[in-house]
Amino acid sequence: MAAHTSAVLIIEHDPLIQSLYTRTLQHEYVVLAAQTVEQCEMHCSRSDLRVVIIEPHRPDGLGAQLLAVLHHQLRERHVPIIVCSVLNAQRTDQDTGIFRYLVKPVSPDVLRQLIVQI
């Protein structure tokens, strides 16, 4: 599938970082955003996702629940999940569904190149 026809779902609570990721990727992908579990479920079920970018360490405490939704809904579709986090809390568990962990700040070029390689 051509990159321009697939979507990137960004789950990021910081509006400045959300905007940076959107500006970085919007010329090559359809960029979707989710802030709630319901929005995440909707995008996962209705969108042709190439990748999901998530910051699981959120002030609202929904990070683990959002990751669980992603894992449940995307596991069979093999959609990679990229964690971009302020914490370097990489898990070694193979069953997490996480493709890559990046520690913030994440360079837009690094993020773009990583998605191209997927």
PDB file of N, CA and C in Angstrom:
ATOM      1  N   MET A   1       0.839  -1.177   0.000  1.00  0.00           N
ATOM      2  CA  MET A   1       0.000   0.000   0.000  1.00  0.00           C
ATOM      3  C   MET A   1       0.881   1.237   0.000  1.00  0.00           C
ATOM      4  N   ALA A   2       0.522   2.242  -0.742  1.00  0.00           N
ATOM      5  CA  ALA A   2       1.275   3.485  -0.799  1.00  0.00           C
ATOM      6  C   ALA A   2       1.152   4.221   0.521  1.00  0.00           C
ATOM      7  N   ALA A   3       2.251   4.871   0.912  1.00  0.00           N
ATOM      8  CA  ALA A   3       2.279   5.546   2.200  1.00  0.00           C
ATOM      9  C   ALA A   3       1.186   6.596   2.315  1.00  0.00           C
ATOM     10  N   HIS A   4       0.888   7.306   1.228  1.00  0.00           N
ATOM     11  CA  HIS A   4      -0.075   8.400   1.314  1.00  0.00           C
ATOM     12  C   HIS A   4      -1.507   7.931   1.515  1.00  0.00           C
ATOM     13  N   THR A   5      -1.791   6.661   1.364  1.00  0.00           N
ATOM     14  CA  THR A   5      -3.150   6.173   1.557  1.00  0.00           C
ATOM     15  C   THR A   5      -3.343   5.546   2.926  1.00  0.00           C
ATOM     16  N   SER A   6      -2.300   5.407   3.695  1.00  0.00           N
ATOM     17  CA  SER A   6      -2.449   4.816   5.015  1.00  0.00           C
ATOM     18  C   SER A   6      -2.373   5.906   6.077  1.00  0.00           C
ATOM     19  N   ALA A   7      -2.799   5.532   7.270  1.00  0.00           N
ATOM     20  CA  ALA A   7      -2.910   6.507   8.347  1.00  0.00           C
ATOM     21  C   ALA A   7      -1.927   6.205   9.465  1.00  0.00           C
ATOM     22  N   VAL A   8      -1.586   7.266  10.175  1.00  0.00           N
ATOM     23  CA  VAL A   8      -0.790   7.183  11.390  1.00  0.00           C
ATOM     24  C   VAL A   8      -1.684   7.680  12.520  1.00  0.00           C
ATOM     25  N   LEU A   9      -1.838   6.866  13.548  1.00  0.00           N
ATOM     26  CA  LEU A   9      -2.612   7.267  14.717  1.00  0.00           C
ATOM     27  C   LEU A   9      -1.645   7.750  15.785  1.00  0.00           C
ATOM     28  N   ILE A  10      -1.858   8.979  16.252  1.00  0.00           N
ATOM     29  CA  ILE A  10      -1.013   9.562  17.292  1.00  0.00           C
ATOM     30  C   ILE A  10      -1.846   9.711  18.558  1.00  0.00           C
ATOM     31  N   ILE A  11      -1.334   9.127  19.636  1.00  0.00           N
ATOM     32  CA  ILE A  11      -1.986   9.225  20.941  1.00  0.00           C
ATOM     33  C   ILE A  11      -0.990   9.922  21.862  1.00  0.00           C
ATOM     34  N   GLU A  12      -1.124  11.221  21.968  1.00  0.00           N
ATOM     35  CA  GLU A  12      -0.167  12.073  22.686  1.00  0.00           C
ATOM     36  C   GLU A  12      -0.941  13.156  23.424  1.00  0.00           C
ATOM     37  N   HIS A  13      -0.728  13.249  24.729  1.00  0.00           N
ATOM     38  CA  HIS A  13      -1.482  14.215  25.530  1.00  0.00           C
ATOM     39  C   HIS A  13      -0.946  15.643  25.428  1.00  0.00           C
ATOM     40  N   ASP A  14       0.306  15.822  25.067  1.00  0.00           N
ATOM     41  CA  ASP A  14       0.905  17.157  24.971  1.00  0.00           C
ATOM     42  C   ASP A  14       0.570  17.763  23.605  1.00  0.00           C
ATOM     43  N   PRO A  15      -0.186  18.861  23.578  1.00  0.00           N
ATOM     44  CA  PRO A  15      -0.602  19.431  22.290  1.00  0.00           C
ATOM     45  C   PRO A  15       0.563  19.897  21.417  1.00  0.00           C
ATOM     46  N   LEU A  16       1.656  20.352  22.012  1.00  0.00           N
ATOM     47  CA  LEU A  16       2.805  20.793  21.212  1.00  0.00           C
ATOM     48  C   LEU A  16       3.480  19.614  20.517  1.00  0.00           C
ATOM     49  N   ILE A  17       3.623  18.520  21.228  1.00  0.00           N
ATOM     50  CA  ILE A  17       4.236  17.332  20.626  1.00  0.00           C
ATOM     51  C   ILE A  17       3.292  16.727  19.589  1.00  0.00           C
ATOM     52  N   GLN A  18       2.006  16.699  19.900  1.00  0.00           N
ATOM     53  CA  GLN A  18       1.003  16.228  18.935  1.00  0.00           C
ATOM     54  C   GLN A  18       1.119  17.030  17.641  1.00  0.00           C
ATOM     55  N   SER A  19       1.227  18.337  17.763  1.00  0.00           N
ATOM     56  CA  SER A  19       1.338  19.212  16.595  1.00  0.00           C
ATOM     57  C   SER A  19       2.634  18.958  15.826  1.00  0.00           C
ATOM     58  N   LEU A  20       3.735  18.760  16.541  1.00  0.00           N
ATOM     59  CA  LEU A  20       5.021  18.479  15.896  1.00  0.00           C
ATOM     60  C   LEU A  20       4.948  17.183  15.095  1.00  0.00           C
ATOM     61  N   TYR A  21       4.418  16.125  15.699  1.00  0.00           N
ATOM     62  CA  TYR A  21       4.303  14.846  14.997  1.00  0.00           C
ATOM     63  C   TYR A  21       3.378  14.978  13.783  1.00  0.00           C
ATOM     64  N   THR A  22       2.290  15.716  13.953  1.00  0.00           N
ATOM     65  CA  THR A  22       1.347  15.909  12.843  1.00  0.00           C
ATOM     66  C   THR A  22       2.011  16.639  11.689  1.00  0.00           C
ATOM     67  N   ARG A  23       2.691  17.745  11.982  1.00  0.00           N
ATOM     68  CA  ARG A  23       3.384  18.497  10.924  1.00  0.00           C
ATOM     69  C   ARG A  23       4.444  17.642  10.239  1.00  0.00           C
ATOM     70  N   THR A  24       5.110  16.809  11.000  1.00  0.00           N
ATOM     71  CA  THR A  24       6.164  15.954  10.454  1.00  0.00           C
ATOM     72  C   THR A  24       5.608  14.926   9.473  1.00  0.00           C
ATOM     73  N   LEU A  25       4.430  14.417   9.737  1.00  0.00           N
ATOM     74  CA  LEU A  25       3.912  13.269   8.986  1.00  0.00           C
ATOM     75  C   LEU A  25       2.767  13.574   8.032  1.00  0.00           C
ATOM     76  N   GLN A  26       2.161  14.742   8.133  1.00  0.00           N
ATOM     77  CA  GLN A  26       0.922  15.014   7.391  1.00  0.00           C
ATOM     78  C   GLN A  26       1.079  15.059   5.880  1.00  0.00           C
ATOM     79  N   HIS A  27       2.274  15.257   5.376  1.00  0.00           N
ATOM     80  CA  HIS A  27       2.459  15.308   3.926  1.00  0.00           C
ATOM     81  C   HIS A  27       2.548  13.915   3.303  1.00  0.00           C
ATOM     82  N   GLU A  28       2.816  12.914   4.131  1.00  0.00           N
ATOM     83  CA  GLU A  28       2.973  11.555   3.624  1.00  0.00           C
ATOM     84  C   GLU A  28       1.865  10.606   4.066  1.00  0.00           C
ATOM     85  N   TYR A  29       1.171  10.954   5.136  1.00  0.00           N
ATOM     86  CA  TYR A  29       0.167  10.065   5.708  1.00  0.00           C
ATOM     87  C   TYR A  29      -1.062  10.858   6.132  1.00  0.00           C
ATOM     88  N   VAL A  30      -2.161  10.152   6.279  1.00  0.00           N
ATOM     89  CA  VAL A  30      -3.324  10.715   6.951  1.00  0.00           C
ATOM     90  C   VAL A  30      -3.021  10.613   8.443  1.00  0.00           C
ATOM     91  N   VAL A  31      -3.026  11.738   9.137  1.00  0.00           N
ATOM     92  CA  VAL A  31      -2.688  11.738  10.560  1.00  0.00           C
ATOM     93  C   VAL A  31      -3.975  11.820  11.375  1.00  0.00           C
ATOM     94  N   LEU A  32      -4.156  10.845  12.250  1.00  0.00           N
ATOM     95  CA  LEU A  32      -5.311  10.782  13.137  1.00  0.00           C
ATOM     96  C   LEU A  32      -4.833  10.984  14.564  1.00  0.00           C
ATOM     97  N   ALA A  33      -5.702  11.525  15.399  1.00  0.00           N
ATOM     98  CA  ALA A  33      -5.352  11.748  16.802  1.00  0.00           C
ATOM     99  C   ALA A  33      -6.424  11.141  17.692  1.00  0.00           C
ATOM    100  N   ALA A  34      -5.986  10.630  18.826  1.00  0.00           N
ATOM    101  CA  ALA A  34      -6.913  10.096  19.825  1.00  0.00           C
ATOM    102  C   ALA A  34      -6.452  10.553  21.201  1.00  0.00           C
ATOM    103  N   GLN A  35      -7.410  10.959  22.012  1.00  0.00           N
ATOM    104  CA  GLN A  35      -7.125  11.344  23.390  1.00  0.00           C
ATOM    105  C   GLN A  35      -7.869  10.469  24.390  1.00  0.00           C
ATOM    106  N   THR A  36      -8.877   9.764  23.916  1.00  0.00           N
ATOM    107  CA  THR A  36      -9.693   8.939  24.805  1.00  0.00           C
ATOM    108  C   THR A  36      -9.670   7.489  24.326  1.00  0.00           C
ATOM    109  N   VAL A  37     -10.097   6.607  25.200  1.00  0.00           N
ATOM    110  CA  VAL A  37     -10.193   5.194  24.842  1.00  0.00           C
ATOM    111  C   VAL A  37     -11.189   5.023  23.695  1.00  0.00           C
ATOM    112  N   GLU A  38     -12.291   5.750  23.740  1.00  0.00           N
ATOM    113  CA  GLU A  38     -13.308   5.645  22.691  1.00  0.00           C
ATOM    114  C   GLU A  38     -12.762   6.082  21.334  1.00  0.00           C
ATOM    115  N   GLN A  39     -12.020   7.186  21.305  1.00  0.00           N
ATOM    116  CA  GLN A  39     -11.420   7.648  20.050  1.00  0.00           C
ATOM    117  C   GLN A  39     -10.413   6.631  19.526  1.00  0.00           C
ATOM    118  N   CYS A  40      -9.638   6.061  20.426  1.00  0.00           N
ATOM    119  CA  CYS A  40      -8.652   5.047  20.048  1.00  0.00           C
ATOM    120  C   CYS A  40      -9.352   3.832  19.432  1.00  0.00           C
ATOM    121  N   GLU A  41     -10.395   3.354  20.082  1.00  0.00           N
ATOM    122  CA  GLU A  41     -11.138   2.209  19.555  1.00  0.00           C
ATOM    123  C   GLU A  41     -11.734   2.512  18.187  1.00  0.00           C
ATOM    124  N   MET A  42     -12.289   3.714  18.027  1.00  0.00           N
ATOM    125  CA  MET A  42     -12.900   4.096  16.756  1.00  0.00           C
ATOM    126  C   MET A  42     -11.864   4.099  15.629  1.00  0.00           C
ATOM    127  N   HIS A  43     -10.725   4.741  15.861  1.00  0.00           N
ATOM    128  CA  HIS A  43      -9.701   4.802  14.818  1.00  0.00           C
ATOM    129  C   HIS A  43      -9.138   3.416  14.508  1.00  0.00           C
ATOM    130  N   CYS A  44      -8.964   2.593  15.522  1.00  0.00           N
ATOM    131  CA  CYS A  44      -8.436   1.246  15.291  1.00  0.00           C
ATOM    132  C   CYS A  44      -9.399   0.398  14.466  1.00  0.00           C
ATOM    133  N   SER A  45     -10.681   0.580  14.675  1.00  0.00           N
ATOM    134  CA  SER A  45     -11.652  -0.253  13.967  1.00  0.00           C
ATOM    135  C   SER A  45     -12.004   0.272  12.579  1.00  0.00           C
ATOM    136  N   ARG A  46     -11.827   1.576  12.341  1.00  0.00           N
ATOM    137  CA  ARG A  46     -12.285   2.161  11.077  1.00  0.00           C
ATOM    138  C   ARG A  46     -11.176   2.604  10.135  1.00  0.00           C
ATOM    139  N   SER A  47      -9.943   2.598  10.570  1.00  0.00           N
ATOM    140  CA  SER A  47      -8.870   3.195   9.772  1.00  0.00           C
ATOM    141  C   SER A  47      -7.857   2.161   9.303  1.00  0.00           C
ATOM    142  N   ASP A  48      -7.278   2.438   8.149  1.00  0.00           N
ATOM    143  CA  ASP A  48      -6.188   1.626   7.606  1.00  0.00           C
ATOM    144  C   ASP A  48      -4.888   2.169   8.196  1.00  0.00           C
ATOM    145  N   LEU A  49      -4.514   1.650   9.353  1.00  0.00           N
ATOM    146  CA  LEU A  49      -3.366   2.191  10.079  1.00  0.00           C
ATOM    147  C   LEU A  49      -2.060   1.566   9.614  1.00  0.00           C
ATOM    148  N   ARG A  50      -1.097   2.413   9.357  1.00  0.00           N
ATOM    149  CA  ARG A  50       0.257   1.966   9.054  1.00  0.00           C
ATOM    150  C   ARG A  50       1.037   1.768  10.348  1.00  0.00           C
ATOM    151  N   VAL A  51       0.812   2.669  11.311  1.00  0.00           N
ATOM    152  CA  VAL A  51       1.544   2.641  12.571  1.00  0.00           C
ATOM    153  C   VAL A  51       0.775   3.465  13.602  1.00  0.00           C
ATOM    154  N   VAL A  52       1.028   3.169  14.878  1.00  0.00           N
ATOM    155  CA  VAL A  52       0.486   3.960  15.982  1.00  0.00           C
ATOM    156  C   VAL A  52       1.664   4.493  16.783  1.00  0.00           C
ATOM    157  N   ILE A  53       1.581   5.770  17.134  1.00  0.00           N
ATOM    158  CA  ILE A  53       2.582   6.414  17.985  1.00  0.00           C
ATOM    159  C   ILE A  53       1.873   6.790  19.279  1.00  0.00           C
ATOM    160  N   ILE A  54       2.425   6.363  20.409  1.00  0.00           N
ATOM    161  CA  ILE A  54       1.756   6.619  21.688  1.00  0.00           C
ATOM    162  C   ILE A  54       2.754   7.030  22.758  1.00  0.00           C
ATOM    163  N   GLU A  55       2.319   7.955  23.605  1.00  0.00           N
ATOM    164  CA  GLU A  55       3.001   8.280  24.859  1.00  0.00           C
ATOM    165  C   GLU A  55       2.127   7.681  25.952  1.00  0.00           C
ATOM    166  N   PRO A  56       2.549   6.567  26.541  1.00  0.00           N
ATOM    167  CA  PRO A  56       1.690   5.903  27.519  1.00  0.00           C
ATOM    168  C   PRO A  56       1.713   6.534  28.912  1.00  0.00           C
ATOM    169  N   HIS A  57       2.680   7.384  29.179  1.00  0.00           N
ATOM    170  CA  HIS A  57       2.786   8.013  30.502  1.00  0.00           C
ATOM    171  C   HIS A  57       2.036   9.332  30.463  1.00  0.00           C
ATOM    172  N   ARG A  58       0.751   9.241  30.815  1.00  0.00           N
ATOM    173  CA  ARG A  58      -0.173  10.365  30.651  1.00  0.00           C
ATOM    174  C   ARG A  58      -0.666  10.850  32.008  1.00  0.00           C
ATOM    175  N   PRO A  59      -0.939  12.152  32.113  1.00  0.00           N
ATOM    176  CA  PRO A  59      -1.461  12.677  33.372  1.00  0.00           C
ATOM    177  C   PRO A  59      -2.849  12.135  33.729  1.00  0.00           C
ATOM    178  N   ASP A  60      -3.615  11.691  32.726  1.00  0.00           N
ATOM    179  CA  ASP A  60      -4.955  11.164  33.004  1.00  0.00           C
ATOM    180  C   ASP A  60      -4.938   9.692  33.408  1.00  0.00           C
ATOM    181  N   GLY A  61      -3.764   9.065  33.366  1.00  0.00           N
ATOM    182  CA  GLY A  61      -3.642   7.678  33.794  1.00  0.00           C
ATOM    183  C   GLY A  61      -4.196   6.648  32.823  1.00  0.00           C
ATOM    184  N   LEU A  62      -4.510   7.045  31.594  1.00  0.00           N
ATOM    185  CA  LEU A  62      -5.118   6.127  30.625  1.00  0.00           C
ATOM    186  C   LEU A  62      -4.109   5.342  29.782  1.00  0.00           C
ATOM    187  N   GLY A  63      -2.836   5.564  29.986  1.00  0.00           N
ATOM    188  CA  GLY A  63      -1.825   4.946  29.129  1.00  0.00           C
ATOM    189  C   GLY A  63      -1.917   3.435  29.034  1.00  0.00           C
ATOM    190  N   ALA A  64      -2.022   2.762  30.162  1.00  0.00           N
ATOM    191  CA  ALA A  64      -2.088   1.295  30.153  1.00  0.00           C
ATOM    192  C   ALA A  64      -3.359   0.810  29.466  1.00  0.00           C
ATOM    193  N   GLN A  65      -4.459   1.506  29.694  1.00  0.00           N
ATOM    194  CA  GLN A  65      -5.724   1.125  29.058  1.00  0.00           C
ATOM    195  C   GLN A  65      -5.656   1.340  27.549  1.00  0.00           C
ATOM    196  N   LEU A  66      -5.060   2.442  27.118  1.00  0.00           N
ATOM    197  CA  LEU A  66      -4.910   2.704  25.685  1.00  0.00           C
ATOM    198  C   LEU A  66      -4.017   1.651  25.029  1.00  0.00           C
ATOM    199  N   LEU A  67      -2.926   1.290  25.688  1.00  0.00           N
ATOM    200  CA  LEU A  67      -2.053   0.240  25.150  1.00  0.00           C
ATOM    201  C   LEU A  67      -2.793  -1.094  25.052  1.00  0.00           C
ATOM    202  N   ALA A  68      -3.622  -1.392  26.041  1.00  0.00           N
ATOM    203  CA  ALA A  68      -4.393  -2.639  26.008  1.00  0.00           C
ATOM    204  C   ALA A  68      -5.367  -2.647  24.828  1.00  0.00           C
ATOM    205  N   VAL A  69      -6.012  -1.516  24.569  1.00  0.00           N
ATOM    206  CA  VAL A  69      -6.924  -1.411  23.424  1.00  0.00           C
ATOM    207  C   VAL A  69      -6.154  -1.627  22.132  1.00  0.00           C
ATOM    208  N   LEU A  70      -5.006  -0.967  22.007  1.00  0.00           N
ATOM    209  CA  LEU A  70      -4.191  -1.116  20.798  1.00  0.00           C
ATOM    210  C   LEU A  70      -3.777  -2.569  20.602  1.00  0.00           C
ATOM    211  N   HIS A  71      -3.289  -3.174  21.656  1.00  0.00           N
ATOM    212  CA  HIS A  71      -2.825  -4.563  21.567  1.00  0.00           C
ATOM    213  C   HIS A  71      -3.976  -5.480  21.150  1.00  0.00           C
ATOM    214  N   HIS A  72      -5.118  -5.298  21.757  1.00  0.00           N
ATOM    215  CA  HIS A  72      -6.279  -6.152  21.462  1.00  0.00           C
ATOM    216  C   HIS A  72      -6.779  -5.954  20.032  1.00  0.00           C
ATOM    217  N   GLN A  73      -6.903  -4.698  19.603  1.00  0.00           N
ATOM    218  CA  GLN A  73      -7.510  -4.430  18.296  1.00  0.00           C
ATOM    219  C   GLN A  73      -6.544  -4.567  17.125  1.00  0.00           C
ATOM    220  N   LEU A  74      -5.251  -4.425  17.368  1.00  0.00           N
ATOM    221  CA  LEU A  74      -4.304  -4.391  16.248  1.00  0.00           C
ATOM    222  C   LEU A  74      -3.416  -5.614  16.132  1.00  0.00           C
ATOM    223  N   ARG A  75      -3.451  -6.478  17.117  1.00  0.00           N
ATOM    224  CA  ARG A  75      -2.555  -7.638  17.135  1.00  0.00           C
ATOM    225  C   ARG A  75      -2.661  -8.473  15.862  1.00  0.00           C
ATOM    226  N   GLU A  76      -3.861  -8.809  15.453  1.00  0.00           N
ATOM    227  CA  GLU A  76      -4.026  -9.667  14.275  1.00  0.00           C
ATOM    228  C   GLU A  76      -3.728  -8.936  12.974  1.00  0.00           C
ATOM    229  N   ARG A  77      -3.808  -7.611  12.983  1.00  0.00           N
ATOM    230  CA  ARG A  77      -3.509  -6.825  11.781  1.00  0.00           C
ATOM    231  C   ARG A  77      -2.026  -6.478  11.693  1.00  0.00           C
ATOM    232  N   HIS A  78      -1.273  -6.783  12.723  1.00  0.00           N
ATOM    233  CA  HIS A  78       0.175  -6.558  12.758  1.00  0.00           C
ATOM    234  C   HIS A  78       0.536  -5.093  12.518  1.00  0.00           C
ATOM    235  N   VAL A  79      -0.214  -4.189  13.144  1.00  0.00           N
ATOM    236  CA  VAL A  79       0.093  -2.762  13.056  1.00  0.00           C
ATOM    237  C   VAL A  79       1.136  -2.448  14.122  1.00  0.00           C
ATOM    238  N   PRO A  80       2.299  -1.929  13.724  1.00  0.00           N
ATOM    239  CA  PRO A  80       3.345  -1.628  14.699  1.00  0.00           C
ATOM    240  C   PRO A  80       2.952  -0.468  15.611  1.00  0.00           C
ATOM    241  N   ILE A  81       3.405  -0.553  16.849  1.00  0.00           N
ATOM    242  CA  ILE A  81       3.194   0.504  17.834  1.00  0.00           C
ATOM    243  C   ILE A  81       4.557   1.061  18.212  1.00  0.00           C
ATOM    244  N   ILE A  82       4.687   2.376  18.105  1.00  0.00           N
ATOM    245  CA  ILE A  82       5.913   3.063  18.509  1.00  0.00           C
ATOM    246  C   ILE A  82       5.599   3.853  19.769  1.00  0.00           C
ATOM    247  N   VAL A  83       6.336   3.591  20.835  1.00  0.00           N
ATOM    248  CA  VAL A  83       6.200   4.354  22.069  1.00  0.00           C
ATOM    249  C   VAL A  83       7.232   5.475  22.038  1.00  0.00           C
ATOM    250  N   CYS A  84       6.747   6.708  22.157  1.00  0.00           N
ATOM    251  CA  CYS A  84       7.609   7.886  22.299  1.00  0.00           C
ATOM    252  C   CYS A  84       7.324   8.438  23.682  1.00  0.00           C
ATOM    253  N   SER A  85       8.266   8.267  24.598  1.00  0.00           N
ATOM    254  CA  SER A  85       7.984   8.563  25.994  1.00  0.00           C
ATOM    255  C   SER A  85       9.097   9.366  26.647  1.00  0.00           C
ATOM    256  N   VAL A  86       8.710  10.097  27.683  1.00  0.00           N
ATOM    257  CA  VAL A  86       9.701  10.814  28.476  1.00  0.00           C
ATOM    258  C   VAL A  86      10.455   9.844  29.375  1.00  0.00           C
ATOM    259  N   LEU A  87       9.896   8.674  29.593  1.00  0.00           N
ATOM    260  CA  LEU A  87      10.540   7.667  30.431  1.00  0.00           C
ATOM    261  C   LEU A  87      11.173   6.594  29.565  1.00  0.00           C
ATOM    262  N   ASN A  88      12.357   6.192  29.928  1.00  0.00           N
ATOM    263  CA  ASN A  88      13.026   5.109  29.219  1.00  0.00           C
ATOM    264  C   ASN A  88      12.671   3.806  29.934  1.00  0.00           C
ATOM    265  N   ALA A  89      11.431   3.372  29.738  1.00  0.00           N
ATOM    266  CA  ALA A  89      10.906   2.213  30.452  1.00  0.00           C
ATOM    267  C   ALA A  89      10.636   1.072  29.491  1.00  0.00           C
ATOM    268  N   GLN A  90      11.623   0.686  28.740  1.00  0.00           N
ATOM    269  CA  GLN A  90      11.443  -0.370  27.753  1.00  0.00           C
ATOM    270  C   GLN A  90      11.116  -1.688  28.434  1.00  0.00           C
ATOM    271  N   ARG A  91      10.153  -2.395  27.836  1.00  0.00           N
ATOM    272  CA  ARG A  91       9.794  -3.715  28.334  1.00  0.00           C
ATOM    273  C   ARG A  91      10.422  -4.750  27.422  1.00  0.00           C
ATOM    274  N   THR A  92      10.849  -5.827  28.007  1.00  0.00           N
ATOM    275  CA  THR A  92      11.436  -6.896  27.205  1.00  0.00           C
ATOM    276  C   THR A  92      10.398  -7.936  26.811  1.00  0.00           C
ATOM    277  N   ASP A  93       9.205  -7.814  27.326  1.00  0.00           N
ATOM    278  CA  ASP A  93       8.136  -8.757  27.042  1.00  0.00           C
ATOM    279  C   ASP A  93       7.804  -8.730  25.553  1.00  0.00           C
ATOM    280  N   GLN A  94       7.979  -9.842  24.871  1.00  0.00           N
ATOM    281  CA  GLN A  94       7.715  -9.934  23.432  1.00  0.00           C
ATOM    282  C   GLN A  94       6.234  -9.759  23.107  1.00  0.00           C
ATOM    283  N   ASP A  95       5.370  -9.976  24.078  1.00  0.00           N
ATOM    284  CA  ASP A  95       3.935  -9.937  23.823  1.00  0.00           C
ATOM    285  C   ASP A  95       3.329  -8.546  23.990  1.00  0.00           C
ATOM    286  N   THR A  96       4.142  -7.517  24.178  1.00  0.00           N
ATOM    287  CA  THR A  96       3.587  -6.180  24.376  1.00  0.00           C
ATOM    288  C   THR A  96       3.068  -5.585  23.085  1.00  0.00           C
ATOM    289  N   GLY A  97       3.527  -6.065  21.948  1.00  0.00           N
ATOM    290  CA  GLY A  97       3.107  -5.502  20.676  1.00  0.00           C
ATOM    291  C   GLY A  97       3.849  -4.236  20.306  1.00  0.00           C
ATOM    292  N   ILE A  98       4.826  -3.862  21.092  1.00  0.00           N
ATOM    293  CA  ILE A  98       5.574  -2.630  20.844  1.00  0.00           C
ATOM    294  C   ILE A  98       6.668  -2.903  19.818  1.00  0.00           C
ATOM    295  N   PHE A  99       6.669  -2.100  18.767  1.00  0.00           N
ATOM    296  CA  PHE A  99       7.672  -2.227  17.714  1.00  0.00           C
ATOM    297  C   PHE A  99       8.975  -1.540  18.119  1.00  0.00           C
ATOM    298  N   ARG A 100       8.875  -0.347  18.682  1.00  0.00           N
ATOM    299  CA  ARG A 100      10.077   0.410  19.043  1.00  0.00           C
ATOM    300  C   ARG A 100       9.755   1.389  20.164  1.00  0.00           C
ATOM    301  N   TYR A 101      10.720   1.590  21.055  1.00  0.00           N
ATOM    302  CA  TYR A 101      10.639   2.611  22.093  1.00  0.00           C
ATOM    303  C   TYR A 101      11.591   3.733  21.730  1.00  0.00           C
ATOM    304  N   LEU A 102      11.102   4.959  21.765  1.00  0.00           N
ATOM    305  CA  LEU A 102      11.937   6.132  21.554  1.00  0.00           C
ATOM    306  C   LEU A 102      11.792   7.032  22.777  1.00  0.00           C
ATOM    307  N   VAL A 103      12.913   7.553  23.261  1.00  0.00           N
ATOM    308  CA  VAL A 103      12.891   8.441  24.416  1.00  0.00           C
ATOM    309  C   VAL A 103      12.846   9.877  23.919  1.00  0.00           C
ATOM    310  N   LYS A 104      11.896  10.641  24.443  1.00  0.00           N
ATOM    311  CA  LYS A 104      11.746  12.051  24.064  1.00  0.00           C
ATOM    312  C   LYS A 104      12.924  12.852  24.595  1.00  0.00           C
ATOM    313  N   PRO A 105      13.301  13.889  23.883  1.00  0.00           N
ATOM    314  CA  PRO A 105      12.688  14.408  22.665  1.00  0.00           C
ATOM    315  C   PRO A 105      13.049  13.541  21.457  1.00  0.00           C
ATOM    316  N   VAL A 106      12.062  13.353  20.592  1.00  0.00           N
ATOM    317  CA  VAL A 106      12.241  12.550  19.386  1.00  0.00           C
ATOM    318  C   VAL A 106      12.377  13.487  18.199  1.00  0.00           C
ATOM    319  N   SER A 107      13.446  13.338  17.467  1.00  0.00           N
ATOM    320  CA  SER A 107      13.665  14.141  16.270  1.00  0.00           C
ATOM    321  C   SER A 107      12.616  13.790  15.219  1.00  0.00           C
ATOM    322  N   PRO A 108      12.010  14.800  14.588  1.00  0.00           N
ATOM    323  CA  PRO A 108      11.056  14.516  13.516  1.00  0.00           C
ATOM    324  C   PRO A 108      11.648  13.649  12.411  1.00  0.00           C
ATOM    325  N   ASP A 109      12.912  13.876  12.075  1.00  0.00           N
ATOM    326  CA  ASP A 109      13.551  13.071  11.031  1.00  0.00           C
ATOM    327  C   ASP A 109      13.684  11.610  11.446  1.00  0.00           C
ATOM    328  N   VAL A 110      14.029  11.373  12.702  1.00  0.00           N
ATOM    329  CA  VAL A 110      14.145   9.999  13.207  1.00  0.00           C
ATOM    330  C   VAL A 110      12.785   9.308  13.148  1.00  0.00           C
ATOM    331  N   LEU A 111      11.743  10.011  13.568  1.00  0.00           N
ATOM    332  CA  LEU A 111      10.401   9.437  13.545  1.00  0.00           C
ATOM    333  C   LEU A 111       9.965   9.124  12.115  1.00  0.00           C
ATOM    334  N   ARG A 112      10.165  10.056  11.222  1.00  0.00           N
ATOM    335  CA  ARG A 112       9.781   9.864   9.820  1.00  0.00           C
ATOM    336  C   ARG A 112      10.530   8.672   9.219  1.00  0.00           C
ATOM    337  N   GLN A 113      11.829   8.595   9.438  1.00  0.00           N
ATOM    338  CA  GLN A 113      12.634   7.497   8.886  1.00  0.00           C
ATOM    339  C   GLN A 113      12.214   6.145   9.456  1.00  0.00           C
ATOM    340  N   LEU A 114      11.900   6.115  10.737  1.00  0.00           N
ATOM    341  CA  LEU A 114      11.471   4.867  11.359  1.00  0.00           C
ATOM    342  C   LEU A 114      10.171   4.365  10.727  1.00  0.00           C
ATOM    343  N   ILE A 115       9.242   5.266  10.482  1.00  0.00           N
ATOM    344  CA  ILE A 115       7.969   4.872   9.876  1.00  0.00           C
ATOM    345  C   ILE A 115       8.172   4.413   8.437  1.00  0.00           C
ATOM    346  N   VAL A 116       9.045   5.059   7.711  1.00  0.00           N
ATOM    347  CA  VAL A 116       9.334   4.652   6.331  1.00  0.00           C
ATOM    348  C   VAL A 116       9.888   3.228   6.302  1.00  0.00           C
ATOM    349  N   GLN A 117      10.682   2.859   7.299  1.00  0.00           N
ATOM    350  CA  GLN A 117      11.313   1.537   7.345  1.00  0.00           C
ATOM    351  C   GLN A 117      10.330   0.420   7.679  1.00  0.00           C
ATOM    352  N   ILE A 118       9.188   0.768   8.203  1.00  0.00           N
ATOM    353  CA  ILE A 118       8.203  -0.249   8.612  1.00  0.00           C
ATOM    354  C   ILE A 118       7.579  -0.881   7.383  1.00  0.00           C
TER     355      ILE A 118
END
